[in-house]
Structures are given as structure tokens and as C-alpha cells.
Amino acid sequence: MKQKIKTVIFFFANPRLLLCLALAWLITNGWSYILLGIGTWLDIGWMTVVAGAYLTFLWLPISPEKLVTIVLAIVLLRILFPRDEKTLAVLRGMYEGTKAAVRRKKQSRAEKKRQKHEASETQNE
């Protein structure tokens, strides 16, 4: 567990990924905070309304903003730093680990369903 935490910390502490996360955050969120600040400071109503409406959506629990920001950061990383094999290797490892976990969960559910079905058939006899 300690090794996994260390890997994740080193992964997110990578300066290239931090730059890509910052750019992705500016694309998905930052513009609205900047627009809200400028609109409030210069008393421009439409800027404040547009930024406020978007920020309200971002703070809703159903907003996929964090997921979109992380995916966009990974895409930017692959575009801006295609030779950063160390970070991309960690990404591939995380992806493969996630796929394996989903596969195991599906197998576990299928096994439970099969056992439940067999138990109900045994009861009916």
C-alpha cells in the first residue's frame, strides 16, 4: 500500500503533469473564475452572470468537471510531452490495474449470481 501511495504522489508531483493539470484546469474552470473577477471588478453584468452560472454548475455534485480536467490533463501530457515515458508508463500501469480490478469485480458478481441461481434451483426442487 505504501508503494502505491508513493507512486501516486510521484506521479502527480511530476512538473510536466502539474503544468498539464494547470492548463487543463484553466480550460475547464479557470476562465470562469477569471471572468467572475473581471466582471465583478469592472461591474460588467453579463460576465458575472455567465461566470456565476458556470461556477454554479461546477459546484453541483453531478458535475463531471474533475474527471474531465484529469482526462484533459492526460491528453495534454501526451500531446505536449510525448517522450515522457516515465509518466506515461505509470499511466499505463494504473490503467492496466484498473482494468484488472474491473475484470475481477465482474467475475465476482457473475460468480455470486451463479451461486444465487443454483441455490434458488436447489430450493425449488
C-alpha atoms as a PDB file:
ATOM      1  CA  MET A   1       0.000   0.000   0.000  1.00  0.00           C
ATOM      2  CA  LYS A   2       2.855   2.365   0.897  1.00  0.00           C
ATOM      3  CA  GLN A   3       4.452   1.781  -2.516  1.00  0.00           C
ATOM      4  CA  LYS A   4       1.184   2.594  -4.317  1.00  0.00           C
ATOM      5  CA  ILE A   5       0.783   5.851  -2.394  1.00  0.00           C
ATOM      6  CA  LYS A   6       4.393   6.768  -3.145  1.00  0.00           C
ATOM      7  CA  THR A   7       3.861   6.040  -6.857  1.00  0.00           C
ATOM      8  CA  VAL A   8       0.737   8.215  -6.984  1.00  0.00           C
ATOM      9  CA  ILE A   9       2.468  11.089  -5.165  1.00  0.00           C
ATOM     10  CA  PHE A  10       5.481  10.963  -7.509  1.00  0.00           C
ATOM     11  CA  PHE A  11       3.122  10.723 -10.470  1.00  0.00           C
ATOM     12  CA  PHE A  12       1.187  13.864  -9.505  1.00  0.00           C
ATOM     13  CA  ALA A  13       4.329  15.727  -8.360  1.00  0.00           C
ATOM     14  CA  ASN A  14       5.808  15.436 -11.854  1.00  0.00           C
ATOM     15  CA  PRO A  15       6.365  19.034 -13.104  1.00  0.00           C
ATOM     16  CA  ARG A  16       5.176  18.144 -16.608  1.00  0.00           C
ATOM     17  CA  LEU A  17       1.934  16.688 -15.325  1.00  0.00           C
ATOM     18  CA  LEU A  18       1.458  19.646 -12.949  1.00  0.00           C
ATOM     19  CA  LEU A  19       1.805  22.007 -15.914  1.00  0.00           C
ATOM     20  CA  CYS A  20      -0.751  19.975 -17.881  1.00  0.00           C
ATOM     21  CA  LEU A  21      -3.106  19.889 -14.875  1.00  0.00           C
ATOM     22  CA  ALA A  22      -2.821  23.674 -14.551  1.00  0.00           C
ATOM     23  CA  LEU A  23      -3.575  24.152 -18.252  1.00  0.00           C
ATOM     24  CA  ALA A  24      -6.499  21.726 -18.086  1.00  0.00           C
ATOM     25  CA  TRP A  25      -7.857  23.500 -15.002  1.00  0.00           C
ATOM     26  CA  LEU A  26      -7.633  26.858 -16.803  1.00  0.00           C
ATOM     27  CA  ILE A  27      -9.520  25.404 -19.758  1.00  0.00           C
ATOM     28  CA  THR A  28     -12.267  23.773 -17.685  1.00  0.00           C
ATOM     29  CA  ASN A  29     -12.587  26.104 -14.658  1.00  0.00           C
ATOM     30  CA  GLY A  30     -10.064  28.902 -14.558  1.00  0.00           C
ATOM     31  CA  TRP A  31     -11.633  31.021 -17.238  1.00  0.00           C
ATOM     32  CA  SER A  32     -14.847  31.284 -15.215  1.00  0.00           C
ATOM     33  CA  TYR A  33     -13.031  32.432 -12.054  1.00  0.00           C
ATOM     34  CA  ILE A  34     -11.093  34.999 -14.105  1.00  0.00           C
ATOM     35  CA  LEU A  35     -14.281  36.147 -15.828  1.00  0.00           C
ATOM     36  CA  LEU A  36     -16.083  36.436 -12.483  1.00  0.00           C
ATOM     37  CA  GLY A  37     -13.240  38.506 -11.041  1.00  0.00           C
ATOM     38  CA  ILE A  38     -13.060  40.851 -14.039  1.00  0.00           C
ATOM     39  CA  GLY A  39     -16.843  41.127 -14.264  1.00  0.00           C
ATOM     40  CA  THR A  40     -17.163  41.959 -10.586  1.00  0.00           C
ATOM     41  CA  TRP A  41     -14.232  44.392 -10.594  1.00  0.00           C
ATOM     42  CA  LEU A  42     -15.339  46.279 -13.706  1.00  0.00           C
ATOM     43  CA  ASP A  43     -19.059  45.858 -12.947  1.00  0.00           C
ATOM     44  CA  ILE A  44     -19.848  44.038 -16.214  1.00  0.00           C
ATOM     45  CA  GLY A  45     -23.112  42.214 -15.636  1.00  0.00           C
ATOM     46  CA  TRP A  46     -23.020  39.627 -18.410  1.00  0.00           C
ATOM     47  CA  MET A  47     -19.527  38.449 -17.370  1.00  0.00           C
ATOM     48  CA  THR A  48     -20.637  37.981 -13.792  1.00  0.00           C
ATOM     49  CA  VAL A  49     -23.798  36.135 -14.825  1.00  0.00           C
ATOM     50  CA  VAL A  50     -22.061  33.784 -17.285  1.00  0.00           C
ATOM     51  CA  ALA A  51     -19.222  33.003 -14.882  1.00  0.00           C
ATOM     52  CA  GLY A  52     -21.594  32.608 -11.935  1.00  0.00           C
ATOM     53  CA  ALA A  53     -23.864  30.242 -13.851  1.00  0.00           C
ATOM     54  CA  TYR A  54     -20.947  28.070 -14.952  1.00  0.00           C
ATOM     55  CA  LEU A  55     -19.435  28.045 -11.466  1.00  0.00           C
ATOM     56  CA  THR A  56     -22.797  27.052 -10.024  1.00  0.00           C
ATOM     57  CA  PHE A  57     -22.844  24.066 -12.373  1.00  0.00           C
ATOM     58  CA  LEU A  58     -19.267  23.167 -11.398  1.00  0.00           C
ATOM     59  CA  TRP A  59     -20.141  23.023  -7.712  1.00  0.00           C
ATOM     60  CA  LEU A  60     -23.078  20.657  -8.252  1.00  0.00           C
ATOM     61  CA  PRO A  61     -22.401  17.069  -7.152  1.00  0.00           C
ATOM     62  CA  ILE A  62     -23.322  15.787 -10.627  1.00  0.00           C
ATOM     63  CA  SER A  63     -20.674  17.896 -12.373  1.00  0.00           C
ATOM     64  CA  PRO A  64     -18.078  15.742 -14.177  1.00  0.00           C
ATOM     65  CA  GLU A  65     -15.578  18.622 -14.045  1.00  0.00           C
ATOM     66  CA  LYS A  66     -12.822  16.869 -12.097  1.00  0.00           C
ATOM     67  CA  LEU A  67     -12.923  13.828 -14.318  1.00  0.00           C
ATOM     68  CA  VAL A  68     -12.867  15.994 -17.446  1.00  0.00           C
ATOM     69  CA  THR A  69      -9.958  18.038 -16.054  1.00  0.00           C
ATOM     70  CA  ILE A  70      -7.867  14.945 -15.331  1.00  0.00           C
ATOM     71  CA  VAL A  71      -8.617  13.378 -18.724  1.00  0.00           C
ATOM     72  CA  LEU A  72      -7.783  16.658 -20.458  1.00  0.00           C
ATOM     73  CA  ALA A  73      -4.521  16.901 -18.478  1.00  0.00           C
ATOM     74  CA  ILE A  74      -3.544  13.401 -19.608  1.00  0.00           C
ATOM     75  CA  VAL A  75      -4.361  14.272 -23.222  1.00  0.00           C
ATOM     76  CA  LEU A  76      -2.296  17.459 -22.936  1.00  0.00           C
ATOM     77  CA  LEU A  77       0.561  15.467 -21.402  1.00  0.00           C
ATOM     78  CA  ARG A  78       0.535  13.062 -24.325  1.00  0.00           C
ATOM     79  CA  ILE A  79       0.455  15.950 -26.818  1.00  0.00           C
ATOM     80  CA  LEU A  80       2.960  18.309 -25.172  1.00  0.00           C
ATOM     81  CA  PHE A  81       5.364  15.695 -23.775  1.00  0.00           C
ATOM     82  CA  PRO A  82       5.137  12.564 -25.945  1.00  0.00           C
ATOM     83  CA  ARG A  83       8.647  11.436 -24.908  1.00  0.00           C
ATOM     84  CA  ASP A  84       7.889  11.453 -21.162  1.00  0.00           C
ATOM     85  CA  GLU A  85       7.923   7.660 -20.974  1.00  0.00           C
ATOM     86  CA  LYS A  86       8.221   7.530 -17.184  1.00  0.00           C
ATOM     87  CA  THR A  87       4.907   9.310 -16.560  1.00  0.00           C
ATOM     88  CA  LEU A  88       3.187   7.552 -19.444  1.00  0.00           C
ATOM     89  CA  ALA A  89       4.397   4.187 -18.094  1.00  0.00           C
ATOM     90  CA  VAL A  90       2.839   4.967 -14.701  1.00  0.00           C
ATOM     91  CA  LEU A  91      -0.387   5.913 -16.512  1.00  0.00           C
ATOM     92  CA  ARG A  92      -0.380   2.638 -18.423  1.00  0.00           C
ATOM     93  CA  GLY A  93       0.222   0.727 -15.195  1.00  0.00           C
ATOM     94  CA  MET A  94      -2.683   2.495 -13.477  1.00  0.00           C
ATOM     95  CA  TYR A  95      -4.886   1.798 -16.481  1.00  0.00           C
ATOM     96  CA  GLU A  96      -3.996  -1.902 -16.529  1.00  0.00           C
ATOM     97  CA  GLY A  97      -4.550  -2.148 -12.770  1.00  0.00           C
ATOM     98  CA  THR A  98      -7.961  -0.542 -13.100  1.00  0.00           C
ATOM     99  CA  LYS A  99      -8.903  -2.873 -15.959  1.00  0.00           C
ATOM    100  CA  ALA A 100      -7.855  -5.898 -13.890  1.00  0.00           C
ATOM    101  CA  ALA A 101      -9.869  -4.675 -10.890  1.00  0.00           C
ATOM    102  CA  VAL A 102     -12.978  -4.187 -13.034  1.00  0.00           C
ATOM    103  CA  ARG A 103     -12.497  -7.645 -14.554  1.00  0.00           C
ATOM    104  CA  ARG A 104     -12.202  -9.218 -11.082  1.00  0.00           C
ATOM    105  CA  LYS A 105     -15.316  -7.387  -9.904  1.00  0.00           C
ATOM    106  CA  LYS A 106     -17.296  -8.609 -12.914  1.00  0.00           C
ATOM    107  CA  GLN A 107     -16.169 -12.176 -12.315  1.00  0.00           C
ATOM    108  CA  SER A 108     -17.081 -11.892  -8.636  1.00  0.00           C
ATOM    109  CA  ARG A 109     -20.568 -10.613  -9.479  1.00  0.00           C
ATOM    110  CA  ALA A 110     -21.081 -13.334 -12.080  1.00  0.00           C
ATOM    111  CA  GLU A 111     -19.997 -15.980  -9.557  1.00  0.00           C
ATOM    112  CA  LYS A 112     -22.374 -14.619  -6.898  1.00  0.00           C
ATOM    113  CA  LYS A 113     -25.207 -14.534  -9.429  1.00  0.00           C
ATOM    114  CA  ARG A 114     -24.478 -18.115 -10.481  1.00  0.00           C
ATOM    115  CA  GLN A 115     -24.405 -19.280  -6.856  1.00  0.00           C
ATOM    116  CA  LYS A 116     -27.678 -17.486  -6.129  1.00  0.00           C
ATOM    117  CA  HIS A 117     -29.265 -19.074  -9.184  1.00  0.00           C
ATOM    118  CA  GLU A 118     -28.060 -22.548  -8.160  1.00  0.00           C
ATOM    119  CA  ALA A 119     -29.349 -22.009  -4.620  1.00  0.00           C
ATOM    120  CA  SER A 120     -32.779 -20.979  -5.894  1.00  0.00           C
ATOM    121  CA  GLU A 121     -32.905 -24.037  -8.202  1.00  0.00           C
ATOM    122  CA  THR A 122     -31.968 -26.294  -5.279  1.00  0.00           C
ATOM    123  CA  GLN A 123     -34.720 -24.733  -3.152  1.00  0.00           C
ATOM    124  CA  ASN A 124     -37.329 -25.243  -5.873  1.00  0.00           C
ATOM    125  CA  GLU A 125     -36.640 -28.976  -6.070  1.00  0.00           C
END
